[in-house]
PDB file of N, CA and C in Angstrom:
ATOM      1  N   MET A   1      19.367 -33.827  43.710  1.00  0.00           N
ATOM      2  CA  MET A   1      19.584 -34.546  42.449  1.00  0.00           C
ATOM      3  C   MET A   1      18.683 -32.221  41.517  1.00  0.00           C
ATOM      4  N   ALA A   2      19.654 -32.331  40.600  1.00  0.00           N
ATOM      5  CA  ALA A   2      18.932 -31.438  39.740  1.00  0.00           C
ATOM      6  C   ALA A   2      18.120 -31.268  39.049  1.00  0.00           C
ATOM      7  N   LYS A   3      17.111 -30.039  39.083  1.00  0.00           N
ATOM      8  CA  LYS A   3      15.772 -29.997  38.383  1.00  0.00           C
ATOM      9  C   LYS A   3      15.733 -29.699  36.547  1.00  0.00           C
ATOM     10  N   ILE A   4      15.821 -30.316  35.980  1.00  0.00           N
ATOM     11  CA  ILE A   4      15.730 -29.751  33.587  1.00  0.00           C
ATOM     12  C   ILE A   4      14.214 -29.098  34.189  1.00  0.00           C
ATOM     13  N   ASP A   5      14.757 -27.195  33.403  1.00  0.00           N
ATOM     14  CA  ASP A   5      13.809 -27.090  33.358  1.00  0.00           C
ATOM     15  C   ASP A   5      13.157 -26.701  31.596  1.00  0.00           C
ATOM     16  N   TYR A   6      13.643 -26.963  30.900  1.00  0.00           N
ATOM     17  CA  TYR A   6      13.730 -26.726  29.642  1.00  0.00           C
ATOM     18  C   TYR A   6      14.993 -28.271  28.870  1.00  0.00           C
ATOM     19  N   ILE A   7      14.074 -28.364  28.096  1.00  0.00           N
ATOM     20  CA  ILE A   7      14.898 -29.194  27.225  1.00  0.00           C
ATOM     21  C   ILE A   7      14.555 -29.393  25.529  1.00  0.00           C
ATOM     22  N   PRO A   8      15.681 -29.360  24.600  1.00  0.00           N
ATOM     23  CA  PRO A   8      15.652 -28.930  23.790  1.00  0.00           C
ATOM     24  C   PRO A   8      15.587 -29.959  22.777  1.00  0.00           C
ATOM     25  N   ILE A   9      14.452 -29.372  21.490  1.00  0.00           N
ATOM     26  CA  ILE A   9      14.044 -30.523  21.193  1.00  0.00           C
ATOM     27  C   ILE A   9      13.950 -30.360  19.470  1.00  0.00           C
ATOM     28  N   GLY A  10      14.611 -30.870  18.481  1.00  0.00           N
ATOM     29  CA  GLY A  10      14.962 -30.610  17.339  1.00  0.00           C
ATOM     30  C   GLY A  10      14.629 -31.900  16.266  1.00  0.00           C
ATOM     31  N   GLY A  11      14.561 -31.580  15.154  1.00  0.00           N
ATOM     32  CA  GLY A  11      14.377 -32.677  14.126  1.00  0.00           C
ATOM     33  C   GLY A  11      13.161 -32.923  13.843  1.00  0.00           C
ATOM     34  N   ALA A  12      12.583 -33.588  13.330  1.00  0.00           N
ATOM     35  CA  ALA A  12      11.026 -34.032  13.202  1.00  0.00           C
ATOM     36  C   ALA A  12       9.907 -33.658  14.663  1.00  0.00           C
ATOM     37  N   ILE A  13      10.447 -34.040  15.343  1.00  0.00           N
ATOM     38  CA  ILE A  13       9.311 -33.708  16.752  1.00  0.00           C
ATOM     39  C   ILE A  13       9.463 -32.211  16.712  1.00  0.00           C
ATOM     40  N   GLY A  14      10.191 -31.639  16.392  1.00  0.00           N
ATOM     41  CA  GLY A  14      10.686 -30.187  16.921  1.00  0.00           C
ATOM     42  C   GLY A  14       9.591 -29.444  16.381  1.00  0.00           C
ATOM     43  N   GLY A  15      10.007 -29.866  15.100  1.00  0.00           N
ATOM     44  CA  GLY A  15       8.812 -29.453  13.611  1.00  0.00           C
ATOM     45  C   GLY A  15       7.716 -29.145  13.566  1.00  0.00           C
ATOM     46  N   ALA A  16       7.846 -30.434  14.212  1.00  0.00           N
ATOM     47  CA  ALA A  16       5.939 -30.635  13.763  1.00  0.00           C
ATOM     48  C   ALA A  16       5.613 -30.302  15.526  1.00  0.00           C
ATOM     49  N   ILE A  17       6.395 -29.635  16.373  1.00  0.00           N
ATOM     50  CA  ILE A  17       5.503 -29.160  17.315  1.00  0.00           C
ATOM     51  C   ILE A  17       5.493 -27.924  17.346  1.00  0.00           C
ATOM     52  N   ALA A  18       6.290 -27.349  16.955  1.00  0.00           N
ATOM     53  CA  ALA A  18       6.641 -25.801  16.619  1.00  0.00           C
ATOM     54  C   ALA A  18       5.571 -25.634  14.830  1.00  0.00           C
ATOM     55  N   GLY A  19       5.503 -26.467  14.296  1.00  0.00           N
ATOM     56  CA  GLY A  19       4.003 -26.191  13.244  1.00  0.00           C
ATOM     57  C   GLY A  19       3.108 -26.734  13.707  1.00  0.00           C
ATOM     58  N   ALA A  20       2.587 -27.103  14.644  1.00  0.00           N
ATOM     59  CA  ALA A  20       1.076 -27.244  15.359  1.00  0.00           C
ATOM     60  C   ALA A  20       0.798 -26.084  16.064  1.00  0.00           C
ATOM     61  N   GLU A  21       1.808 -25.576  16.798  1.00  0.00           N
ATOM     62  CA  GLU A  21       1.347 -24.176  17.126  1.00  0.00           C
ATOM     63  C   GLU A  21       1.536 -22.904  15.865  1.00  0.00           C
ATOM     64  N   LEU A  22       2.764 -23.300  14.905  1.00  0.00           N
ATOM     65  CA  LEU A  22       1.919 -21.704  13.766  1.00  0.00           C
ATOM     66  C   LEU A  22       0.420 -22.327  13.258  1.00  0.00           C
ATOM     67  N   ALA A  23       0.373 -23.448  13.201  1.00  0.00           N
ATOM     68  CA  ALA A  23      -0.702 -23.980  12.419  1.00  0.00           C
ATOM     69  C   ALA A  23      -2.377 -22.946  13.576  1.00  0.00           C
ATOM     70  N   MET A  24      -1.816 -22.880  14.317  1.00  0.00           N
ATOM     71  CA  MET A  24      -3.008 -22.522  15.174  1.00  0.00           C
ATOM     72  C   MET A  24      -3.013 -21.099  14.988  1.00  0.00           C
ATOM     73  N   ILE A  25      -2.379 -19.972  14.686  1.00  0.00           N
ATOM     74  CA  ILE A  25      -2.023 -19.008  14.732  1.00  0.00           C
ATOM     75  C   ILE A  25      -3.116 -18.381  13.842  1.00  0.00           C
ATOM     76  N   ARG A  26      -4.029 -17.579  13.519  1.00  0.00           N
ATOM     77  CA  ARG A  26      -4.668 -16.727  12.528  1.00  0.00           C
ATOM     78  C   ARG A  26      -4.444 -15.960  11.693  1.00  0.00           C
ATOM     79  N   LEU A  27      -4.332 -15.762  10.708  1.00  0.00           N
ATOM     80  CA  LEU A  27      -3.453 -14.670   9.796  1.00  0.00           C
ATOM     81  C   LEU A  27      -5.082 -14.320   9.127  1.00  0.00           C
ATOM     82  N   TYR A  28      -5.375 -13.115   9.054  1.00  0.00           N
ATOM     83  CA  TYR A  28      -6.418 -12.407   7.942  1.00  0.00           C
ATOM     84  C   TYR A  28      -5.688 -11.697   6.937  1.00  0.00           C
ATOM     85  N   TYR A  29      -6.068 -11.895   5.541  1.00  0.00           N
ATOM     86  CA  TYR A  29      -5.586 -11.387   4.921  1.00  0.00           C
ATOM     87  C   TYR A  29      -6.023 -10.453   4.034  1.00  0.00           C
ATOM     88  N   ILE A  30      -6.026  -8.949   3.762  1.00  0.00           N
ATOM     89  CA  ILE A  30      -6.878  -7.550   3.283  1.00  0.00           C
ATOM     90  C   ILE A  30      -6.637  -7.852   1.722  1.00  0.00           C
ATOM     91  N   LEU A  31      -7.444  -8.113   0.479  1.00  0.00           N
ATOM     92  CA  LEU A  31      -7.426  -7.920  -0.322  1.00  0.00           C
ATOM     93  C   LEU A  31      -7.800  -6.389  -0.916  1.00  0.00           C
ATOM     94  N   ASP A  32      -6.656  -5.235  -1.469  1.00  0.00           N
ATOM     95  CA  ASP A  32      -7.508  -3.864  -2.211  1.00  0.00           C
ATOM     96  C   ASP A  32      -8.265  -4.188  -2.973  1.00  0.00           C
ATOM     97  N   CYS A  33      -9.293  -4.139  -3.222  1.00  0.00           N
ATOM     98  CA  CYS A  33     -10.094  -4.490  -4.828  1.00  0.00           C
ATOM     99  C   CYS A  33      -9.681  -3.010  -5.647  1.00  0.00           C
ATOM    100  N   GLU A  34      -9.597  -1.997  -5.319  1.00  0.00           N
ATOM    101  CA  GLU A  34      -9.223  -1.349  -6.662  1.00  0.00           C
ATOM    102  C   GLU A  34      -7.892  -1.320  -6.753  1.00  0.00           C
ATOM    103  N   THR A  35      -7.021  -2.134  -6.321  1.00  0.00           N
ATOM    104  CA  THR A  35      -5.259  -2.109  -6.497  1.00  0.00           C
ATOM    105  C   THR A  35      -4.911  -3.446  -6.631  1.00  0.00           C
ATOM    106  N   GLY A  36      -5.470  -4.674  -6.025  1.00  0.00           N
ATOM    107  CA  GLY A  36      -5.421  -6.174  -6.137  1.00  0.00           C
ATOM    108  C   GLY A  36      -4.534  -6.181  -5.205  1.00  0.00           C
ATOM    109  N   VAL A  37      -4.170  -5.320  -4.562  1.00  0.00           N
ATOM    110  CA  VAL A  37      -2.484  -5.683  -3.664  1.00  0.00           C
ATOM    111  C   VAL A  37      -3.757  -6.609  -2.324  1.00  0.00           C
ATOM    112  N   VAL A  38      -2.661  -7.753  -1.729  1.00  0.00           N
ATOM    113  CA  VAL A  38      -2.921  -8.268  -0.918  1.00  0.00           C
ATOM    114  C   VAL A  38      -2.187  -8.209   0.252  1.00  0.00           C
ATOM    115  N   LYS A  39      -2.251  -7.811   1.179  1.00  0.00           N
ATOM    116  CA  LYS A  39      -1.639  -7.589   2.462  1.00  0.00           C
ATOM    117  C   LYS A  39      -2.058  -8.564   3.936  1.00  0.00           C
ATOM    118  N   ILE A  40      -0.768  -8.615   4.284  1.00  0.00           N
ATOM    119  CA  ILE A  40      -1.423  -9.228   6.010  1.00  0.00           C
ATOM    120  C   ILE A  40      -2.426  -8.593   7.015  1.00  0.00           C
ATOM    121  N   LEU A  41      -3.342  -8.785   7.414  1.00  0.00           N
ATOM    122  CA  LEU A  41      -4.360  -7.611   8.420  1.00  0.00           C
ATOM    123  C   LEU A  41      -3.411  -7.678   9.536  1.00  0.00           C
ATOM    124  N   SER A  42      -2.911  -6.206   9.963  1.00  0.00           N
ATOM    125  CA  SER A  42      -1.798  -5.748  11.177  1.00  0.00           C
ATOM    126  C   SER A  42      -1.778  -4.601  11.315  1.00  0.00           C
ATOM    127  N   LYS A  43      -1.676  -4.414  12.974  1.00  0.00           N
ATOM    128  CA  LYS A  43      -2.312  -3.436  13.578  1.00  0.00           C
ATOM    129  C   LYS A  43      -1.549  -2.130  12.445  1.00  0.00           C
ATOM    130  N   LYS A  44      -0.196  -2.351  12.096  1.00  0.00           N
ATOM    131  CA  LYS A  44       0.422  -1.487  11.611  1.00  0.00           C
ATOM    132  C   LYS A  44      -0.250  -0.788  10.556  1.00  0.00           C
ATOM    133  N   TYR A  45      -0.868  -2.251   9.702  1.00  0.00           N
ATOM    134  CA  TYR A  45      -1.392  -2.239   8.491  1.00  0.00           C
ATOM    135  C   TYR A  45      -2.760  -1.262   8.454  1.00  0.00           C
ATOM    136  N   LEU A  46      -3.731  -1.871   9.845  1.00  0.00           N
ATOM    137  CA  LEU A  46      -4.671  -1.167  10.173  1.00  0.00           C
ATOM    138  C   LEU A  46      -4.698   0.042  10.392  1.00  0.00           C
ATOM    139  N   THR A  47      -3.538   0.424  11.036  1.00  0.00           N
ATOM    140  CA  THR A  47      -3.417   1.944  11.478  1.00  0.00           C
ATOM    141  C   THR A  47      -3.391   2.725  10.514  1.00  0.00           C
ATOM    142  N   THR A  48      -2.319   2.806   9.314  1.00  0.00           N
ATOM    143  CA  THR A  48      -2.535   3.339   7.722  1.00  0.00           C
ATOM    144  C   THR A  48      -3.603   3.687   7.446  1.00  0.00           C
ATOM    145  N   LEU A  49      -4.762   2.361   7.283  1.00  0.00           N
ATOM    146  CA  LEU A  49      -6.070   2.403   6.570  1.00  0.00           C
ATOM    147  C   LEU A  49      -7.123   3.549   7.456  1.00  0.00           C
ATOM    148  N   LEU A  50      -6.935   3.401   9.139  1.00  0.00           N
ATOM    149  CA  LEU A  50      -7.479   4.225   9.692  1.00  0.00           C
ATOM    150  C   LEU A  50      -7.757   5.904   9.621  1.00  0.00           C
ATOM    151  N   GLU A  51      -6.157   6.408   9.007  1.00  0.00           N
ATOM    152  CA  GLU A  51      -5.514   7.459   8.711  1.00  0.00           C
ATOM    153  C   GLU A  51      -6.701   7.987   7.938  1.00  0.00           C
ATOM    154  N   ASP A  52      -8.042   7.796   7.099  1.00  0.00           N
ATOM    155  CA  ASP A  52      -8.690   8.713   6.875  1.00  0.00           C
ATOM    156  C   ASP A  52     -10.036   8.526   7.712  1.00  0.00           C
ATOM    157  N   TYR A  53     -10.290   7.785   8.653  1.00  0.00           N
ATOM    158  CA  TYR A  53     -11.268   7.774   9.554  1.00  0.00           C
ATOM    159  C   TYR A  53     -10.796   7.837  10.956  1.00  0.00           C
ATOM    160  N   ALA A  54     -10.773   9.453  11.527  1.00  0.00           N
ATOM    161  CA  ALA A  54     -10.342   9.738  12.209  1.00  0.00           C
ATOM    162  C   ALA A  54     -11.391   9.289  14.014  1.00  0.00           C
ATOM    163  N   ASP A  55     -12.359   9.267  13.539  1.00  0.00           N
ATOM    164  CA  ASP A  55     -13.013   8.477  14.355  1.00  0.00           C
ATOM    165  C   ASP A  55     -13.113   7.162  14.752  1.00  0.00           C
ATOM    166  N   LEU A  56     -12.908   6.565  13.633  1.00  0.00           N
ATOM    167  CA  LEU A  56     -12.636   4.984  13.486  1.00  0.00           C
ATOM    168  C   LEU A  56     -11.185   4.509  14.445  1.00  0.00           C
ATOM    169  N   LYS A  57     -10.362   5.351  13.831  1.00  0.00           N
ATOM    170  CA  LYS A  57      -9.374   5.714  14.584  1.00  0.00           C
ATOM    171  C   LYS A  57      -8.967   5.876  16.304  1.00  0.00           C
ATOM    172  N   PHE A  58      -9.640   6.594  16.463  1.00  0.00           N
ATOM    173  CA  PHE A  58     -10.101   7.024  17.881  1.00  0.00           C
ATOM    174  C   PHE A  58     -10.251   5.733  18.733  1.00  0.00           C
ATOM    175  N   GLN A  59     -11.241   5.220  18.197  1.00  0.00           N
ATOM    176  CA  GLN A  59     -12.191   4.035  18.838  1.00  0.00           C
ATOM    177  C   GLN A  59     -11.394   2.778  19.129  1.00  0.00           C
ATOM    178  N   PHE A  60     -10.362   2.789  17.912  1.00  0.00           N
ATOM    179  CA  PHE A  60      -9.280   1.319  17.220  1.00  0.00           C
ATOM    180  C   PHE A  60      -8.044   1.457  19.033  1.00  0.00           C
ATOM    181  N   GLU A  61      -7.943   3.342  18.672  1.00  0.00           N
ATOM    182  CA  GLU A  61      -6.642   3.658  19.981  1.00  0.00           C
ATOM    183  C   GLU A  61      -7.150   3.231  21.120  1.00  0.00           C
ATOM    184  N   SER A  62      -8.487   3.078  21.001  1.00  0.00           N
ATOM    185  CA  SER A  62      -9.009   2.499  22.693  1.00  0.00           C
ATOM    186  C   SER A  62      -9.716   0.899  23.459  1.00  0.00           C
ATOM    187  N   GLU A  63      -9.083   0.682  22.461  1.00  0.00           N
ATOM    188  CA  GLU A  63      -9.484  -0.642  22.503  1.00  0.00           C
ATOM    189  C   GLU A  63      -8.321  -1.146  22.831  1.00  0.00           C
ATOM    190  N   LYS A  64      -8.397  -2.105  23.871  1.00  0.00           N
ATOM    191  CA  LYS A  64      -7.682  -2.883  24.835  1.00  0.00           C
ATOM    192  C   LYS A  64      -6.420  -3.845  24.248  1.00  0.00           C
ATOM    193  N   GLU A  65      -7.066  -4.997  23.412  1.00  0.00           N
ATOM    194  CA  GLU A  65      -6.028  -5.575  22.465  1.00  0.00           C
ATOM    195  C   GLU A  65      -6.165  -5.446  21.006  1.00  0.00           C
ATOM    196  N   THR A  66      -5.619  -3.982  20.708  1.00  0.00           N
ATOM    197  CA  THR A  66      -5.266  -4.001  19.378  1.00  0.00           C
ATOM    198  C   THR A  66      -4.474  -4.831  18.179  1.00  0.00           C
ATOM    199  N   LYS A  67      -3.747  -5.641  18.919  1.00  0.00           N
ATOM    200  CA  LYS A  67      -3.127  -6.601  17.795  1.00  0.00           C
ATOM    201  C   LYS A  67      -3.684  -8.081  18.019  1.00  0.00           C
ATOM    202  N   ASN A  68      -5.280  -7.628  18.537  1.00  0.00           N
ATOM    203  CA  ASN A  68      -5.987  -9.170  18.703  1.00  0.00           C
ATOM    204  C   ASN A  68      -6.509  -9.122  16.657  1.00  0.00           C
ATOM    205  N   GLN A  69      -6.133 -10.234  16.445  1.00  0.00           N
ATOM    206  CA  GLN A  69      -7.012 -10.524  14.676  1.00  0.00           C
ATOM    207  C   GLN A  69      -9.044 -10.185  14.873  1.00  0.00           C
ATOM    208  N   GLU A  70      -9.482 -10.959  16.245  1.00  0.00           N
ATOM    209  CA  GLU A  70     -10.833 -10.332  15.818  1.00  0.00           C
ATOM    210  C   GLU A  70     -11.188  -8.841  15.861  1.00  0.00           C
ATOM    211  N   VAL A  71      -9.951  -7.983  16.891  1.00  0.00           N
ATOM    212  CA  VAL A  71     -10.354  -7.059  16.811  1.00  0.00           C
ATOM    213  C   VAL A  71     -10.160  -5.885  15.454  1.00  0.00           C
ATOM    214  N   LEU A  72      -8.469  -6.349  14.715  1.00  0.00           N
ATOM    215  CA  LEU A  72      -8.298  -5.971  13.433  1.00  0.00           C
ATOM    216  C   LEU A  72      -9.539  -6.031  12.276  1.00  0.00           C
ATOM    217  N   LEU A  73      -9.722  -7.109  12.425  1.00  0.00           N
ATOM    218  CA  LEU A  73     -10.886  -7.626  11.566  1.00  0.00           C
ATOM    219  C   LEU A  73     -12.408  -6.844  11.701  1.00  0.00           C
ATOM    220  N   LYS A  74     -12.658  -6.287  13.111  1.00  0.00           N
ATOM    221  CA  LYS A  74     -13.930  -5.577  13.702  1.00  0.00           C
ATOM    222  C   LYS A  74     -13.405  -4.557  12.501  1.00  0.00           C
ATOM    223  N   TYR A  75     -12.439  -3.315  12.848  1.00  0.00           N
ATOM    224  CA  TYR A  75     -12.312  -1.901  12.024  1.00  0.00           C
ATOM    225  C   TYR A  75     -12.545  -2.352  10.351  1.00  0.00           C
ATOM    226  N   ILE A  76     -11.940  -3.376   9.593  1.00  0.00           N
ATOM    227  CA  ILE A  76     -12.082  -3.772   8.708  1.00  0.00           C
ATOM    228  C   ILE A  76     -13.244  -3.740   8.064  1.00  0.00           C
ATOM    229  N   ASN A  77     -14.175  -4.313   8.967  1.00  0.00           N
ATOM    230  CA  ASN A  77     -15.773  -4.152   8.717  1.00  0.00           C
ATOM    231  C   ASN A  77     -16.552  -2.906   9.265  1.00  0.00           C
ATOM    232  N   LYS A  78     -15.930  -1.997   9.393  1.00  0.00           N
ATOM    233  CA  LYS A  78     -16.313  -0.513   9.820  1.00  0.00           C
ATOM    234  C   LYS A  78     -15.926   0.276   9.008  1.00  0.00           C
ATOM    235  N   ILE A  79     -14.463  -0.526   8.725  1.00  0.00           N
ATOM    236  CA  ILE A  79     -13.801   0.747   7.230  1.00  0.00           C
ATOM    237  C   ILE A  79     -15.019   0.598   6.133  1.00  0.00           C
ATOM    238  N   ASN A  80     -15.197  -0.888   5.756  1.00  0.00           N
ATOM    239  CA  ASN A  80     -16.284  -1.292   4.814  1.00  0.00           C
ATOM    240  C   ASN A  80     -17.442  -0.372   4.703  1.00  0.00           C
ATOM    241  N   GLU A  81     -18.202  -0.954   5.913  1.00  0.00           N
ATOM    242  CA  GLU A  81     -19.390  -0.244   6.066  1.00  0.00           C
ATOM    243  C   GLU A  81     -19.501   1.212   5.924  1.00  0.00           C
ATOM    244  N   LYS A  82     -18.757   2.032   6.268  1.00  0.00           N
ATOM    245  CA  LYS A  82     -17.896   3.378   5.881  1.00  0.00           C
ATOM    246  C   LYS A  82     -18.114   3.998   4.437  1.00  0.00           C
ATOM    247  N   SER A  83     -17.164   3.287   4.353  1.00  0.00           N
ATOM    248  CA  SER A  83     -16.911   3.018   2.920  1.00  0.00           C
ATOM    249  C   SER A  83     -18.337   2.921   1.758  1.00  0.00           C
ATOM    250  N   LEU A  84     -18.674   1.634   1.770  1.00  0.00           N
ATOM    251  CA  LEU A  84     -20.140   1.690   1.176  1.00  0.00           C
ATOM    252  C   LEU A  84     -20.877   2.842   1.607  1.00  0.00           C
ATOM    253  N   ILE A  85     -21.345   3.332   2.656  1.00  0.00           N
ATOM    254  CA  ILE A  85     -22.146   4.481   2.658  1.00  0.00           C
ATOM    255  C   ILE A  85     -22.077   5.767   1.963  1.00  0.00           C
ATOM    256  N   VAL A  86     -20.517   5.797   1.793  1.00  0.00           N
ATOM    257  CA  VAL A  86     -19.973   7.201   1.013  1.00  0.00           C
ATOM    258  C   VAL A  86     -20.357   6.874  -0.129  1.00  0.00           C
ATOM    259  N   LYS A  87     -20.309   5.243  -1.343  1.00  0.00           N
ATOM    260  CA  LYS A  87     -20.094   5.295  -2.297  1.00  0.00           C
ATOM    261  C   LYS A  87     -21.319   5.388  -2.484  1.00  0.00           C
ATOM    262  N   GLU A  88     -22.786   4.789  -1.549  1.00  0.00           N
ATOM    263  CA  GLU A  88     -23.941   5.336  -2.430  1.00  0.00           C
ATOM    264  C   GLU A  88     -24.578   6.310  -2.499  1.00  0.00           C
ATOM    265  N   LYS A  89     -24.121   7.713  -1.381  1.00  0.00           N
ATOM    266  CA  LYS A  89     -24.429   8.271  -1.316  1.00  0.00           C
ATOM    267  C   LYS A  89     -23.757   9.145  -2.688  1.00  0.00           C
ATOM    268  N   LEU A  90     -22.938   9.476  -3.168  1.00  0.00           N
ATOM    269  CA  LEU A  90     -21.577   9.825  -4.352  1.00  0.00           C
ATOM    270  C   LEU A  90     -22.787   8.935  -5.346  1.00  0.00           C
ATOM    271  N   HIS A  91     -23.165   7.889  -5.679  1.00  0.00           N
ATOM    272  CA  HIS A  91     -24.240   7.554  -6.344  1.00  0.00           C
ATOM    273  C   HIS A  91     -25.505   7.993  -6.619  1.00  0.00           C
ATOM    274  N   ASP A  92     -26.387   8.345  -5.416  1.00  0.00           N
ATOM    275  CA  ASP A  92     -27.373   9.081  -5.291  1.00  0.00           C
ATOM    276  C   ASP A  92     -27.439   9.834  -6.026  1.00  0.00           C
ATOM    277  N   LYS A  93     -25.726  11.064  -5.428  1.00  0.00           N
ATOM    278  CA  LYS A  93     -25.985  12.111  -5.714  1.00  0.00           C
ATOM    279  C   LYS A  93     -25.947  12.502  -7.501  1.00  0.00           C
ATOM    280  N   ASN A  94     -25.065  11.564  -8.285  1.00  0.00           N
ATOM    281  CA  ASN A  94     -24.577  10.907  -9.995  1.00  0.00           C
ATOM    282  C   ASN A  94     -26.371  11.101 -10.362  1.00  0.00           C
ATOM    283  N   ASP A  95     -27.067  10.383  -9.370  1.00  0.00           N
ATOM    284  CA  ASP A  95     -28.309  10.329 -10.415  1.00  0.00           C
ATOM    285  C   ASP A  95     -29.006  11.360 -10.045  1.00  0.00           C
ATOM    286  N   ILE A  96     -29.054  11.904  -9.228  1.00  0.00           N
ATOM    287  CA  ILE A  96     -29.667  13.415  -9.233  1.00  0.00           C
ATOM    288  C   ILE A  96     -29.203  14.615 -10.329  1.00  0.00           C
ATOM    289  N   ILE A  97     -28.060  14.553 -10.166  1.00  0.00           N
ATOM    290  CA  ILE A  97     -27.509  15.464 -11.384  1.00  0.00           C
ATOM    291  C   ILE A  97     -27.540  14.757 -12.734  1.00  0.00           C
ATOM    292  N   GLU A  98     -27.385  13.749 -12.735  1.00  0.00           N
ATOM    293  CA  GLU A  98     -28.325  13.571 -14.316  1.00  0.00           C
ATOM    294  C   GLU A  98     -29.373  13.887 -14.152  1.00  0.00           C
ATOM    295  N   THR A  99     -30.006  13.547 -13.837  1.00  0.00           N
ATOM    296  CA  THR A  99     -31.784  13.408 -13.557  1.00  0.00           C
ATOM    297  C   THR A  99     -32.096  14.833 -13.904  1.00  0.00           C
ATOM    298  N   ALA A 100     -31.331  15.609 -13.618  1.00  0.00           N
ATOM    299  CA  ALA A 100     -31.377  17.244 -13.424  1.00  0.00           C
ATOM    300  C   ALA A 100     -31.156  17.988 -15.580  1.00  0.00           C
ATOM    301  N   TRP A 101     -30.358  17.188 -15.856  1.00  0.00           N
ATOM    302  CA  TRP A 101     -29.467  17.672 -16.905  1.00  0.00           C
ATOM    303  C   TRP A 101     -30.783  16.458 -18.197  1.00  0.00           C
TER     304      TRP A 101
END
């Protein structure tokens, strides 16, 4: 007797199984606070953002799982940290310039 390896499931049962599987996938959305644009966090999008951060880009490319959502989120957080440091330095520099006048 032949063994059946796969059985196609359609209709409500197939949809429920597929829906349950999709519900387990976690996607992060990234809001660009300057433009208001929302994008899905993906390797491609993160790579674009990392163009301005050569050191972080090098670190990211050294990661084993560059499509893992947790890894992608880690680098968004690193970009935010660097961005805050730069903004704080600019703010401090502006304070010094204003004080000098």
